[in-house]
Amino acid sequence: MRARIYPLALGKIIKHALIDPGNEIAGLLIGKYLKKNDVLEIWDAITGDQRSTPGFVYLHEDTIAHAAEWVIRNRPGLYIVGWYHSHPGFNVFLSAIDLETQKRYQMLFPKAVALVVDPLKYSKTGKLSDLRFSIFRINRRGQVVRVPTSIGIHRRKLLESTLKGVETMELKYINTGQEAEVEEYEVAVNNDEGGGERSNFPIGSVLKKFKDRFIP
């Protein structure tokens, strides 16, 4: 599978990461999957209330639910196809916590991806060569792999994605009026020790209610 991200979506994500380059940020990817070409297209991005630190970010459950509703109302034909977050100053990869989050997305939609951006050096130099981002997913063997990614240049789709995204030239922000408490992001995952891993997003409970709004 390949990924194609359109400039407006990527620009919104980078701008979001630069608002607070010392802390992690997160949001959702909006797009569609082209089965014939095995290409996942990312047209737009959306974010909302979250709790962040330099090493962790948590997106509130209500934020995800409201985002799903917003996508179905405002982006017909598009879906939530993954998530993004930043790693300020420690390169792009999926941590153990990120891995658990990605597993949840792929349980719902096997083609879902995770975009990771490291904006820290770029925020200091302004050089594009210092901007780091990659897209990841988990393969059938349970291994994290990088997804070959291009920045979309198809003229019609470039214009179409821009026209859709320009309605919210600023990154759409879901404000739920609630703060995400740190204790709320403890999500138990079965393992040999009987302990648990944390997840960036409480995606499981949201998916039960909004499954049709995530799956292409």
N, C-alpha and C. Protein backbone atom coordinates (compact mmCIF):
# COMPACT_ATOMS: atom_id res chain seq x y z
N MET A 1 0.83 -1.20 0.00
CA MET A 1 0.00 0.00 0.00
C MET A 1 0.86 1.25 0.00
N ARG A 2 0.38 2.29 -0.68
CA ARG A 2 1.05 3.58 -0.69
C ARG A 2 0.12 4.63 -0.09
N ALA A 3 0.70 5.74 0.34
CA ALA A 3 -0.09 6.85 0.86
C ALA A 3 0.17 8.08 0.01
N ARG A 4 -0.88 8.88 -0.15
CA ARG A 4 -0.75 10.15 -0.86
C ARG A 4 -1.40 11.23 0.01
N ILE A 5 -0.60 12.18 0.44
CA ILE A 5 -1.14 13.24 1.29
C ILE A 5 -1.14 14.54 0.50
N TYR A 6 -2.24 15.26 0.58
CA TYR A 6 -2.36 16.51 -0.18
C TYR A 6 -1.83 17.68 0.65
N PRO A 7 -1.26 18.69 -0.04
CA PRO A 7 -0.52 19.77 0.63
C PRO A 7 -1.28 20.47 1.75
N LEU A 8 -2.58 20.73 1.54
CA LEU A 8 -3.32 21.46 2.57
C LEU A 8 -3.39 20.66 3.86
N ALA A 9 -3.63 19.35 3.74
CA ALA A 9 -3.67 18.49 4.93
C ALA A 9 -2.33 18.49 5.65
N LEU A 10 -1.25 18.30 4.88
CA LEU A 10 0.08 18.27 5.48
C LEU A 10 0.41 19.62 6.11
N GLY A 11 0.04 20.69 5.43
CA GLY A 11 0.30 22.02 5.97
C GLY A 11 -0.40 22.26 7.29
N LYS A 12 -1.65 21.81 7.40
CA LYS A 12 -2.39 21.97 8.66
C LYS A 12 -1.72 21.21 9.79
N ILE A 13 -1.27 19.99 9.49
CA ILE A 13 -0.62 19.16 10.51
C ILE A 13 0.68 19.81 10.99
N ILE A 14 1.48 20.28 10.04
CA ILE A 14 2.75 20.91 10.40
C ILE A 14 2.50 22.18 11.20
N LYS A 15 1.54 22.98 10.77
CA LYS A 15 1.22 24.21 11.49
C LYS A 15 0.77 23.89 12.92
N HIS A 16 -0.04 22.84 13.07
CA HIS A 16 -0.48 22.43 14.40
C HIS A 16 0.72 22.06 15.27
N ALA A 17 1.65 21.29 14.70
CA ALA A 17 2.84 20.87 15.45
C ALA A 17 3.70 22.06 15.85
N LEU A 18 3.70 23.11 15.03
CA LEU A 18 4.54 24.28 15.30
C LEU A 18 3.93 25.22 16.33
N ILE A 19 2.64 25.07 16.62
CA ILE A 19 2.01 25.92 17.63
C ILE A 19 2.66 25.70 18.99
N ASP A 20 3.00 24.45 19.27
CA ASP A 20 3.63 24.10 20.55
C ASP A 20 4.69 23.04 20.27
N PRO A 21 5.82 23.43 19.64
CA PRO A 21 6.80 22.45 19.18
C PRO A 21 7.48 21.66 20.28
N GLY A 22 7.38 22.11 21.52
CA GLY A 22 8.02 21.39 22.62
C GLY A 22 7.16 20.30 23.22
N ASN A 23 5.86 20.27 22.88
CA ASN A 23 4.95 19.25 23.39
C ASN A 23 4.34 18.46 22.24
N GLU A 24 3.94 17.24 22.53
CA GLU A 24 3.28 16.43 21.51
C GLU A 24 1.88 17.00 21.23
N ILE A 25 1.47 16.88 19.98
CA ILE A 25 0.11 17.25 19.57
C ILE A 25 -0.46 16.07 18.79
N ALA A 26 -1.79 16.06 18.63
CA ALA A 26 -2.40 14.94 17.91
C ALA A 26 -3.68 15.36 17.23
N GLY A 27 -4.10 14.56 16.28
CA GLY A 27 -5.36 14.79 15.58
C GLY A 27 -5.68 13.61 14.69
N LEU A 28 -6.69 13.77 13.85
CA LEU A 28 -7.18 12.70 13.00
C LEU A 28 -6.97 13.04 11.53
N LEU A 29 -6.75 12.00 10.73
CA LEU A 29 -6.55 12.15 9.29
C LEU A 29 -7.85 11.85 8.56
N ILE A 30 -8.19 12.69 7.59
CA ILE A 30 -9.42 12.53 6.83
C ILE A 30 -9.06 12.25 5.37
N GLY A 31 -9.67 11.24 4.79
CA GLY A 31 -9.36 10.92 3.40
C GLY A 31 -10.19 9.78 2.87
N LYS A 32 -9.59 9.01 1.97
CA LYS A 32 -10.29 7.87 1.37
C LYS A 32 -9.26 6.84 0.91
N TYR A 33 -9.73 5.59 0.77
CA TYR A 33 -8.87 4.51 0.29
C TYR A 33 -9.29 4.14 -1.12
N LEU A 34 -8.32 4.13 -2.04
CA LEU A 34 -8.57 3.74 -3.43
C LEU A 34 -8.15 2.29 -3.60
N LYS A 35 -9.12 1.40 -3.53
CA LYS A 35 -8.84 -0.03 -3.55
C LYS A 35 -8.16 -0.46 -4.84
N LYS A 36 -8.60 0.08 -5.97
CA LYS A 36 -8.05 -0.31 -7.26
C LYS A 36 -6.55 -0.08 -7.34
N ASN A 37 -6.09 1.03 -6.78
CA ASN A 37 -4.67 1.39 -6.84
C ASN A 37 -3.92 1.08 -5.55
N ASP A 38 -4.65 0.61 -4.54
CA ASP A 38 -4.08 0.35 -3.21
C ASP A 38 -3.36 1.60 -2.68
N VAL A 39 -4.08 2.72 -2.74
CA VAL A 39 -3.53 4.00 -2.28
C VAL A 39 -4.47 4.60 -1.24
N LEU A 40 -3.89 5.03 -0.13
CA LEU A 40 -4.66 5.75 0.88
C LEU A 40 -4.40 7.24 0.69
N GLU A 41 -5.45 8.00 0.42
CA GLU A 41 -5.31 9.44 0.22
C GLU A 41 -5.72 10.19 1.48
N ILE A 42 -4.91 11.16 1.85
CA ILE A 42 -5.19 12.02 3.01
C ILE A 42 -5.49 13.41 2.49
N TRP A 43 -6.73 13.84 2.67
CA TRP A 43 -7.20 15.11 2.12
C TRP A 43 -7.22 16.23 3.14
N ASP A 44 -7.41 15.90 4.40
CA ASP A 44 -7.61 16.95 5.41
C ASP A 44 -7.24 16.39 6.78
N ALA A 45 -7.26 17.25 7.78
CA ALA A 45 -6.94 16.85 9.16
C ALA A 45 -7.85 17.61 10.11
N ILE A 46 -8.06 17.04 11.27
CA ILE A 46 -8.94 17.64 12.28
C ILE A 46 -8.37 17.34 13.66
N THR A 47 -8.55 18.26 14.58
CA THR A 47 -8.05 18.03 15.94
C THR A 47 -9.07 18.57 16.94
N GLY A 48 -8.69 18.60 18.22
CA GLY A 48 -9.59 19.09 19.25
C GLY A 48 -8.96 19.02 20.62
N ASP A 49 -9.79 19.08 21.66
CA ASP A 49 -9.31 19.11 23.03
C ASP A 49 -8.38 17.93 23.31
N GLN A 50 -7.25 18.22 23.92
CA GLN A 50 -6.26 17.19 24.22
C GLN A 50 -5.39 17.62 25.39
N ARG A 51 -4.73 16.66 26.00
CA ARG A 51 -3.77 16.91 27.07
C ARG A 51 -2.41 16.45 26.56
N SER A 52 -1.42 17.32 26.61
CA SER A 52 -0.13 16.96 26.03
C SER A 52 1.03 17.30 26.96
N THR A 53 2.11 16.55 26.77
CA THR A 53 3.38 16.76 27.45
C THR A 53 4.46 16.60 26.39
N PRO A 54 5.74 16.80 26.74
CA PRO A 54 6.79 16.58 25.74
C PRO A 54 6.89 15.14 25.26
N GLY A 55 6.31 14.19 26.02
CA GLY A 55 6.45 12.79 25.63
C GLY A 55 5.16 12.02 25.48
N PHE A 56 4.00 12.70 25.59
CA PHE A 56 2.74 11.97 25.46
C PHE A 56 1.63 12.95 25.12
N VAL A 57 0.63 12.45 24.37
CA VAL A 57 -0.55 13.26 24.06
C VAL A 57 -1.78 12.38 24.16
N TYR A 58 -2.86 12.97 24.67
CA TYR A 58 -4.11 12.23 24.84
C TYR A 58 -5.25 13.05 24.28
N LEU A 59 -5.96 12.50 23.31
CA LEU A 59 -7.11 13.16 22.70
C LEU A 59 -8.37 12.65 23.38
N HIS A 60 -9.18 13.57 23.89
CA HIS A 60 -10.35 13.21 24.68
C HIS A 60 -11.35 12.40 23.86
N GLU A 61 -12.03 11.47 24.51
CA GLU A 61 -13.03 10.62 23.85
C GLU A 61 -14.11 11.45 23.16
N ASP A 62 -14.61 12.49 23.83
CA ASP A 62 -15.65 13.32 23.23
C ASP A 62 -15.14 14.05 21.98
N THR A 63 -13.85 14.36 21.97
CA THR A 63 -13.27 15.01 20.80
C THR A 63 -13.37 14.09 19.59
N ILE A 64 -13.02 12.82 19.78
CA ILE A 64 -13.07 11.86 18.67
C ILE A 64 -14.51 11.68 18.19
N ALA A 65 -15.43 11.59 19.14
CA ALA A 65 -16.84 11.40 18.78
C ALA A 65 -17.37 12.60 17.99
N HIS A 66 -17.07 13.81 18.46
CA HIS A 66 -17.52 15.01 17.76
C HIS A 66 -16.84 15.14 16.40
N ALA A 67 -15.58 14.73 16.33
CA ALA A 67 -14.86 14.78 15.05
C ALA A 67 -15.52 13.85 14.03
N ALA A 68 -15.91 12.66 14.48
CA ALA A 68 -16.58 11.72 13.58
C ALA A 68 -17.88 12.30 13.05
N GLU A 69 -18.63 12.96 13.92
CA GLU A 69 -19.88 13.60 13.51
C GLU A 69 -19.61 14.73 12.52
N TRP A 70 -18.57 15.51 12.79
CA TRP A 70 -18.23 16.64 11.92
C TRP A 70 -17.85 16.16 10.53
N VAL A 71 -17.08 15.09 10.45
CA VAL A 71 -16.65 14.56 9.16
C VAL A 71 -17.85 14.11 8.33
N ILE A 72 -18.78 13.40 8.95
CA ILE A 72 -19.93 12.91 8.19
C ILE A 72 -20.80 14.06 7.68
N ARG A 73 -20.84 15.16 8.43
CA ARG A 73 -21.65 16.31 8.02
C ARG A 73 -20.95 17.19 6.99
N ASN A 74 -19.64 17.35 7.14
CA ASN A 74 -18.92 18.35 6.37
C ASN A 74 -17.97 17.81 5.31
N ARG A 75 -17.69 16.51 5.33
CA ARG A 75 -16.78 15.94 4.35
C ARG A 75 -17.40 14.70 3.70
N PRO A 76 -18.52 14.86 2.97
CA PRO A 76 -19.16 13.71 2.34
C PRO A 76 -18.21 12.98 1.40
N GLY A 77 -18.21 11.67 1.50
CA GLY A 77 -17.33 10.87 0.66
C GLY A 77 -15.95 10.65 1.25
N LEU A 78 -15.66 11.32 2.37
CA LEU A 78 -14.38 11.15 3.05
C LEU A 78 -14.62 10.53 4.42
N TYR A 79 -13.55 9.98 4.98
CA TYR A 79 -13.65 9.24 6.23
C TYR A 79 -12.42 9.51 7.09
N ILE A 80 -12.50 9.12 8.36
CA ILE A 80 -11.32 9.14 9.22
C ILE A 80 -10.49 7.92 8.87
N VAL A 81 -9.30 8.16 8.34
CA VAL A 81 -8.47 7.06 7.84
C VAL A 81 -7.20 6.85 8.67
N GLY A 82 -7.12 7.50 9.81
CA GLY A 82 -5.96 7.33 10.66
C GLY A 82 -5.79 8.52 11.60
N TRP A 83 -4.60 8.68 12.11
CA TRP A 83 -4.34 9.71 13.10
C TRP A 83 -2.92 10.24 12.91
N TYR A 84 -2.68 11.41 13.49
CA TYR A 84 -1.33 11.98 13.44
C TYR A 84 -0.94 12.48 14.82
N HIS A 85 0.35 12.54 15.06
CA HIS A 85 0.85 13.16 16.29
C HIS A 85 2.31 13.54 16.08
N SER A 86 2.84 14.34 16.99
CA SER A 86 4.22 14.81 16.86
C SER A 86 5.13 14.16 17.88
N HIS A 87 6.40 14.07 17.51
CA HIS A 87 7.47 13.63 18.40
C HIS A 87 8.50 14.76 18.45
N PRO A 88 8.33 15.74 19.31
CA PRO A 88 9.21 16.90 19.30
C PRO A 88 10.64 16.59 19.73
N GLY A 89 11.54 16.53 18.75
CA GLY A 89 12.95 16.36 19.05
C GLY A 89 13.43 14.94 19.19
N PHE A 90 12.55 13.93 19.04
CA PHE A 90 13.06 12.56 19.16
C PHE A 90 12.69 11.68 17.97
N ASN A 91 12.65 12.30 16.79
CA ASN A 91 12.53 11.62 15.51
C ASN A 91 11.16 10.98 15.32
N VAL A 92 10.99 10.32 14.18
CA VAL A 92 9.68 9.78 13.82
C VAL A 92 9.68 8.26 13.87
N PHE A 93 8.80 7.70 14.67
CA PHE A 93 8.66 6.26 14.85
C PHE A 93 7.38 6.05 15.64
N LEU A 94 6.98 4.80 15.83
CA LEU A 94 5.84 4.48 16.69
C LEU A 94 6.35 3.90 18.00
N SER A 95 6.04 4.57 19.10
CA SER A 95 6.40 4.07 20.43
C SER A 95 5.49 2.91 20.80
N ALA A 96 5.73 2.31 21.94
CA ALA A 96 4.87 1.21 22.40
C ALA A 96 3.43 1.68 22.58
N ILE A 97 3.27 2.89 23.11
CA ILE A 97 1.92 3.44 23.29
C ILE A 97 1.28 3.73 21.93
N ASP A 98 2.07 4.30 21.02
CA ASP A 98 1.56 4.56 19.67
C ASP A 98 1.12 3.27 18.99
N LEU A 99 1.88 2.22 19.22
CA LEU A 99 1.58 0.93 18.61
C LEU A 99 0.20 0.43 19.04
N GLU A 100 -0.11 0.59 20.33
CA GLU A 100 -1.42 0.16 20.82
C GLU A 100 -2.54 0.98 20.18
N THR A 101 -2.29 2.28 20.03
CA THR A 101 -3.29 3.13 19.37
C THR A 101 -3.50 2.70 17.93
N GLN A 102 -2.40 2.44 17.22
CA GLN A 102 -2.50 2.05 15.82
C GLN A 102 -3.22 0.71 15.66
N LYS A 103 -2.99 -0.20 16.58
CA LYS A 103 -3.69 -1.50 16.52
C LYS A 103 -5.19 -1.30 16.56
N ARG A 104 -5.63 -0.36 17.39
CA ARG A 104 -7.07 -0.11 17.51
C ARG A 104 -7.65 0.43 16.20
N TYR A 105 -6.90 1.33 15.56
CA TYR A 105 -7.38 1.85 14.29
C TYR A 105 -7.46 0.76 13.23
N GLN A 106 -6.44 -0.08 13.18
CA GLN A 106 -6.43 -1.12 12.15
C GLN A 106 -7.41 -2.25 12.43
N MET A 107 -7.81 -2.41 13.67
CA MET A 107 -8.87 -3.36 13.96
C MET A 107 -10.18 -2.90 13.32
N LEU A 108 -10.37 -1.60 13.27
CA LEU A 108 -11.57 -1.03 12.68
C LEU A 108 -11.44 -0.94 11.16
N PHE A 109 -10.30 -0.40 10.71
CA PHE A 109 -10.05 -0.19 9.29
C PHE A 109 -8.62 -0.64 9.01
N PRO A 110 -8.41 -1.82 8.42
CA PRO A 110 -7.07 -2.40 8.24
C PRO A 110 -6.09 -1.50 7.49
N LYS A 111 -6.57 -0.56 6.70
CA LYS A 111 -5.68 0.32 5.93
C LYS A 111 -5.34 1.61 6.68
N ALA A 112 -5.81 1.76 7.90
CA ALA A 112 -5.55 2.99 8.67
C ALA A 112 -4.06 3.20 8.87
N VAL A 113 -3.66 4.47 8.94
CA VAL A 113 -2.24 4.80 9.08
C VAL A 113 -2.03 5.78 10.23
N ALA A 114 -0.77 5.89 10.62
CA ALA A 114 -0.35 6.85 11.64
C ALA A 114 0.73 7.75 11.04
N LEU A 115 0.50 9.06 11.07
CA LEU A 115 1.50 10.01 10.60
C LEU A 115 2.20 10.60 11.82
N VAL A 116 3.53 10.56 11.79
CA VAL A 116 4.33 11.12 12.88
C VAL A 116 5.22 12.23 12.32
N VAL A 117 5.21 13.37 12.98
CA VAL A 117 6.02 14.50 12.54
C VAL A 117 6.90 14.97 13.69
N ASP A 118 8.16 15.29 13.37
CA ASP A 118 9.08 15.89 14.34
C ASP A 118 9.37 17.31 13.87
N PRO A 119 8.75 18.30 14.51
CA PRO A 119 8.87 19.68 14.02
C PRO A 119 9.97 20.50 14.67
N LEU A 120 10.65 19.94 15.66
CA LEU A 120 11.48 20.76 16.54
C LEU A 120 12.61 21.47 15.80
N LYS A 121 13.41 20.72 15.03
CA LYS A 121 14.53 21.35 14.34
C LYS A 121 14.04 22.35 13.30
N TYR A 122 12.99 21.99 12.58
CA TYR A 122 12.42 22.90 11.57
C TYR A 122 11.92 24.19 12.21
N SER A 123 11.36 24.07 13.43
CA SER A 123 10.84 25.26 14.11
C SER A 123 11.95 26.25 14.44
N LYS A 124 13.19 25.75 14.52
CA LYS A 124 14.32 26.61 14.85
C LYS A 124 15.03 27.16 13.62
N THR A 125 15.07 26.34 12.54
CA THR A 125 15.83 26.74 11.35
C THR A 125 14.96 27.25 10.21
N GLY A 126 13.71 26.78 10.13
CA GLY A 126 12.84 27.15 9.02
C GLY A 126 13.21 26.47 7.72
N LYS A 127 14.14 25.51 7.76
CA LYS A 127 14.55 24.80 6.55
C LYS A 127 13.71 23.54 6.36
N LEU A 128 13.13 23.39 5.16
CA LEU A 128 12.31 22.21 4.90
C LEU A 128 13.10 20.92 5.05
N SER A 129 14.40 20.98 4.79
CA SER A 129 15.23 19.78 4.92
C SER A 129 15.31 19.31 6.37
N ASP A 130 14.95 20.17 7.31
CA ASP A 130 14.98 19.81 8.74
C ASP A 130 13.62 19.33 9.25
N LEU A 131 12.63 19.28 8.37
CA LEU A 131 11.30 18.81 8.76
C LEU A 131 11.23 17.30 8.56
N ARG A 132 10.84 16.59 9.60
CA ARG A 132 10.77 15.14 9.53
C ARG A 132 9.32 14.68 9.70
N PHE A 133 8.85 13.86 8.77
CA PHE A 133 7.55 13.20 8.96
C PHE A 133 7.54 11.89 8.19
N SER A 134 6.82 10.93 8.71
CA SER A 134 6.66 9.63 8.05
C SER A 134 5.28 9.09 8.38
N ILE A 135 4.82 8.17 7.54
CA ILE A 135 3.54 7.50 7.74
C ILE A 135 3.81 6.02 7.99
N PHE A 136 3.13 5.48 9.00
CA PHE A 136 3.36 4.09 9.41
C PHE A 136 2.06 3.30 9.46
N ARG A 137 2.21 1.98 9.44
CA ARG A 137 1.12 1.06 9.71
C ARG A 137 1.72 -0.25 10.21
N ILE A 138 0.87 -1.17 10.61
CA ILE A 138 1.32 -2.48 11.08
C ILE A 138 1.01 -3.51 10.01
N ASN A 139 2.02 -4.30 9.61
CA ASN A 139 1.77 -5.29 8.56
C ASN A 139 1.17 -6.57 9.13
N ARG A 140 0.96 -7.55 8.27
CA ARG A 140 0.30 -8.79 8.69
C ARG A 140 1.12 -9.58 9.69
N ARG A 141 2.40 -9.32 9.75
CA ARG A 141 3.28 -10.01 10.70
C ARG A 141 3.35 -9.28 12.04
N GLY A 142 2.61 -8.20 12.16
CA GLY A 142 2.63 -7.44 13.39
C GLY A 142 3.79 -6.48 13.50
N GLN A 143 4.47 -6.23 12.38
CA GLN A 143 5.63 -5.34 12.37
C GLN A 143 5.22 -3.94 11.93
N VAL A 144 5.86 -2.94 12.53
CA VAL A 144 5.63 -1.56 12.11
C VAL A 144 6.43 -1.29 10.84
N VAL A 145 5.76 -0.79 9.81
CA VAL A 145 6.43 -0.50 8.55
C VAL A 145 6.12 0.92 8.11
N ARG A 146 7.06 1.52 7.42
CA ARG A 146 6.83 2.83 6.82
C ARG A 146 6.02 2.65 5.54
N VAL A 147 5.07 3.51 5.35
CA VAL A 147 4.26 3.48 4.14
C VAL A 147 4.86 4.45 3.12
N PRO A 148 5.21 3.96 1.92
CA PRO A 148 5.73 4.88 0.90
C PRO A 148 4.73 6.01 0.67
N THR A 149 5.22 7.24 0.73
CA THR A 149 4.32 8.39 0.73
C THR A 149 4.73 9.42 -0.31
N SER A 150 3.73 9.95 -1.01
CA SER A 150 3.97 11.05 -1.94
C SER A 150 3.04 12.20 -1.56
N ILE A 151 3.44 13.40 -1.96
CA ILE A 151 2.58 14.57 -1.75
C ILE A 151 1.78 14.75 -3.03
N GLY A 152 0.45 14.63 -2.93
CA GLY A 152 -0.42 14.56 -4.10
C GLY A 152 -0.25 15.70 -5.08
N ILE A 153 -0.20 15.36 -6.37
CA ILE A 153 -0.05 16.38 -7.40
C ILE A 153 -1.11 16.24 -8.50
N HIS A 154 -2.01 15.28 -8.36
CA HIS A 154 -3.09 15.13 -9.35
C HIS A 154 -3.91 16.41 -9.36
N ARG A 155 -3.96 17.10 -10.49
CA ARG A 155 -4.51 18.45 -10.53
C ARG A 155 -5.95 18.53 -10.04
N ARG A 156 -6.80 17.64 -10.54
CA ARG A 156 -8.21 17.71 -10.14
C ARG A 156 -8.37 17.46 -8.66
N LYS A 157 -7.69 16.42 -8.14
CA LYS A 157 -7.82 16.09 -6.73
C LYS A 157 -7.13 17.14 -5.85
N LEU A 158 -6.06 17.72 -6.37
CA LEU A 158 -5.40 18.78 -5.61
C LEU A 158 -6.35 19.96 -5.43
N LEU A 159 -7.04 20.32 -6.50
CA LEU A 159 -8.00 21.42 -6.42
C LEU A 159 -9.18 21.04 -5.54
N GLU A 160 -9.69 19.81 -5.73
CA GLU A 160 -10.85 19.38 -4.96
C GLU A 160 -10.55 19.33 -3.47
N SER A 161 -9.39 18.76 -3.11
CA SER A 161 -9.02 18.67 -1.70
C SER A 161 -8.80 20.05 -1.10
N THR A 162 -8.24 20.97 -1.91
CA THR A 162 -8.01 22.33 -1.43
C THR A 162 -9.33 23.06 -1.20
N LEU A 163 -10.27 22.89 -2.13
CA LEU A 163 -11.57 23.54 -1.98
C LEU A 163 -12.31 23.03 -0.75
N LYS A 164 -12.18 21.74 -0.47
CA LYS A 164 -12.81 21.19 0.73
C LYS A 164 -12.14 21.72 1.99
N GLY A 165 -10.81 21.73 1.98
CA GLY A 165 -10.08 22.13 3.16
C GLY A 165 -10.09 23.62 3.43
N VAL A 166 -10.25 24.43 2.36
CA VAL A 166 -10.17 25.87 2.53
C VAL A 166 -11.36 26.41 3.32
N GLU A 167 -12.44 25.61 3.42
CA GLU A 167 -13.56 26.01 4.26
C GLU A 167 -13.09 26.22 5.69
N THR A 168 -12.12 25.42 6.10
CA THR A 168 -11.51 25.57 7.42
C THR A 168 -10.01 25.69 7.18
N MET A 169 -9.59 26.86 6.68
CA MET A 169 -8.18 27.05 6.36
C MET A 169 -7.33 26.82 7.60
N GLU A 170 -7.88 27.22 8.74
CA GLU A 170 -7.25 26.84 9.99
C GLU A 170 -7.65 25.40 10.28
N LEU A 171 -6.81 24.66 10.96
CA LEU A 171 -7.13 23.29 11.33
C LEU A 171 -8.41 23.27 12.15
N LYS A 172 -9.39 22.47 11.73
CA LYS A 172 -10.65 22.37 12.47
C LYS A 172 -10.37 21.85 13.88
N TYR A 173 -10.87 22.60 14.87
CA TYR A 173 -10.61 22.25 16.27
C TYR A 173 -11.94 21.93 16.95
N ILE A 174 -12.05 20.72 17.48
CA ILE A 174 -13.25 20.29 18.20
C ILE A 174 -13.11 20.68 19.66
N ASN A 175 -13.98 21.58 20.13
CA ASN A 175 -13.96 22.00 21.53
C ASN A 175 -15.14 21.36 22.24
N THR A 176 -14.85 20.43 23.13
CA THR A 176 -15.91 19.70 23.83
C THR A 176 -16.30 20.35 25.14
N GLY A 177 -15.50 21.33 25.59
CA GLY A 177 -15.77 21.97 26.87
C GLY A 177 -15.33 21.13 28.05
N GLN A 178 -14.60 20.05 27.75
CA GLN A 178 -14.12 19.19 28.83
C GLN A 178 -12.62 19.06 28.72
N GLU A 179 -11.97 18.90 29.86
CA GLU A 179 -10.54 18.68 29.88
C GLU A 179 -10.27 17.20 30.04
N ALA A 180 -9.24 16.74 29.36
CA ALA A 180 -8.86 15.33 29.44
C ALA A 180 -7.97 15.12 30.66
N GLU A 181 -8.48 14.42 31.64
CA GLU A 181 -7.68 14.12 32.82
C GLU A 181 -6.69 13.01 32.51
N VAL A 182 -5.50 13.14 33.06
CA VAL A 182 -4.45 12.18 32.80
C VAL A 182 -4.89 10.77 33.16
N GLU A 183 -5.63 10.63 34.26
CA GLU A 183 -6.04 9.30 34.71
C GLU A 183 -6.95 8.61 33.70
N GLU A 184 -7.62 9.37 32.85
CA GLU A 184 -8.60 8.79 31.95
C GLU A 184 -7.98 8.02 30.80
N TYR A 185 -6.68 8.25 30.51
CA TYR A 185 -6.14 7.59 29.34
C TYR A 185 -5.50 6.24 29.65
N GLU A 186 -5.73 5.71 30.86
CA GLU A 186 -5.24 4.38 31.17
C GLU A 186 -6.17 3.36 30.51
N VAL A 187 -5.67 2.66 29.51
CA VAL A 187 -6.47 1.67 28.80
C VAL A 187 -5.80 0.31 28.95
N ALA A 188 -6.50 -0.64 29.52
CA ALA A 188 -5.93 -1.96 29.76
C ALA A 188 -5.86 -2.76 28.47
N VAL A 189 -4.72 -3.39 28.25
CA VAL A 189 -4.54 -4.27 27.11
C VAL A 189 -4.00 -5.59 27.63
N ASN A 190 -4.60 -6.69 27.25
CA ASN A 190 -4.16 -7.98 27.74
C ASN A 190 -2.73 -8.25 27.33
N ASN A 191 -1.93 -8.74 28.30
CA ASN A 191 -0.59 -9.20 27.99
C ASN A 191 -0.20 -10.29 28.97
N ASP A 192 1.00 -10.84 28.81
CA ASP A 192 1.40 -11.99 29.62
C ASP A 192 1.47 -11.67 31.10
N GLU A 193 1.81 -10.42 31.42
CA GLU A 193 1.95 -10.06 32.82
C GLU A 193 0.62 -9.66 33.44
N GLY A 194 -0.41 -9.51 32.61
CA GLY A 194 -1.71 -9.11 33.13
C GLY A 194 -1.78 -7.62 33.40
N GLY A 195 -0.78 -6.87 32.91
CA GLY A 195 -0.78 -5.43 33.11
C GLY A 195 -1.45 -4.73 31.95
N GLY A 196 -1.01 -3.53 31.63
CA GLY A 196 -1.65 -2.82 30.54
C GLY A 196 -0.74 -1.80 29.91
N GLU A 197 -1.10 -1.39 28.71
CA GLU A 197 -0.41 -0.32 28.00
C GLU A 197 -1.38 0.85 27.86
N ARG A 198 -0.83 2.03 27.74
CA ARG A 198 -1.68 3.19 27.52
C ARG A 198 -1.89 3.40 26.03
N SER A 199 -2.96 4.09 25.72
CA SER A 199 -3.27 4.43 24.34
C SER A 199 -3.42 5.94 24.25
N ASN A 200 -3.00 6.51 23.10
CA ASN A 200 -3.13 7.95 22.92
C ASN A 200 -4.58 8.39 22.83
N PHE A 201 -5.42 7.54 22.25
CA PHE A 201 -6.83 7.85 22.06
C PHE A 201 -7.68 6.74 22.65
N PRO A 202 -8.79 7.06 23.35
CA PRO A 202 -9.70 6.03 23.86
C PRO A 202 -10.60 5.54 22.74
N ILE A 203 -9.99 5.00 21.70
CA ILE A 203 -10.71 4.76 20.46
C ILE A 203 -11.74 3.65 20.58
N GLY A 204 -11.51 2.66 21.44
CA GLY A 204 -12.39 1.50 21.51
C GLY A 204 -13.84 1.83 21.77
N SER A 205 -14.11 2.61 22.81
CA SER A 205 -15.49 2.92 23.16
C SER A 205 -16.14 3.82 22.12
N VAL A 206 -15.36 4.68 21.49
CA VAL A 206 -15.91 5.57 20.47
C VAL A 206 -16.30 4.78 19.23
N LEU A 207 -15.49 3.79 18.88
CA LEU A 207 -15.74 3.04 17.66
C LEU A 207 -17.05 2.29 17.70
N LYS A 208 -17.44 1.81 18.87
CA LYS A 208 -18.69 1.07 18.99
C LYS A 208 -19.87 1.94 18.56
N LYS A 209 -19.79 3.23 18.84
CA LYS A 209 -20.89 4.14 18.55
C LYS A 209 -20.79 4.76 17.16
N PHE A 210 -19.56 4.99 16.69
CA PHE A 210 -19.39 5.74 15.45
C PHE A 210 -18.68 4.93 14.36
N LYS A 211 -18.79 3.61 14.41
CA LYS A 211 -18.07 2.75 13.48
C LYS A 211 -18.33 3.11 12.02
N ASP A 212 -19.59 3.38 11.68
CA ASP A 212 -19.94 3.67 10.29
C ASP A 212 -19.35 4.99 9.80
N ARG A 213 -18.92 5.83 10.73
CA ARG A 213 -18.35 7.12 10.34
C ARG A 213 -16.84 7.05 10.14
N PHE A 214 -16.25 5.92 10.50
CA PHE A 214 -14.82 5.75 10.32
C PHE A 214 -14.49 4.88 9.11
N ILE A 215 -15.33 3.90 8.81
CA ILE A 215 -14.98 2.91 7.80
C ILE A 215 -15.37 3.38 6.41
N PRO A 216 -14.40 3.43 5.48
CA PRO A 216 -14.72 3.79 4.09
C PRO A 216 -15.60 2.72 3.45
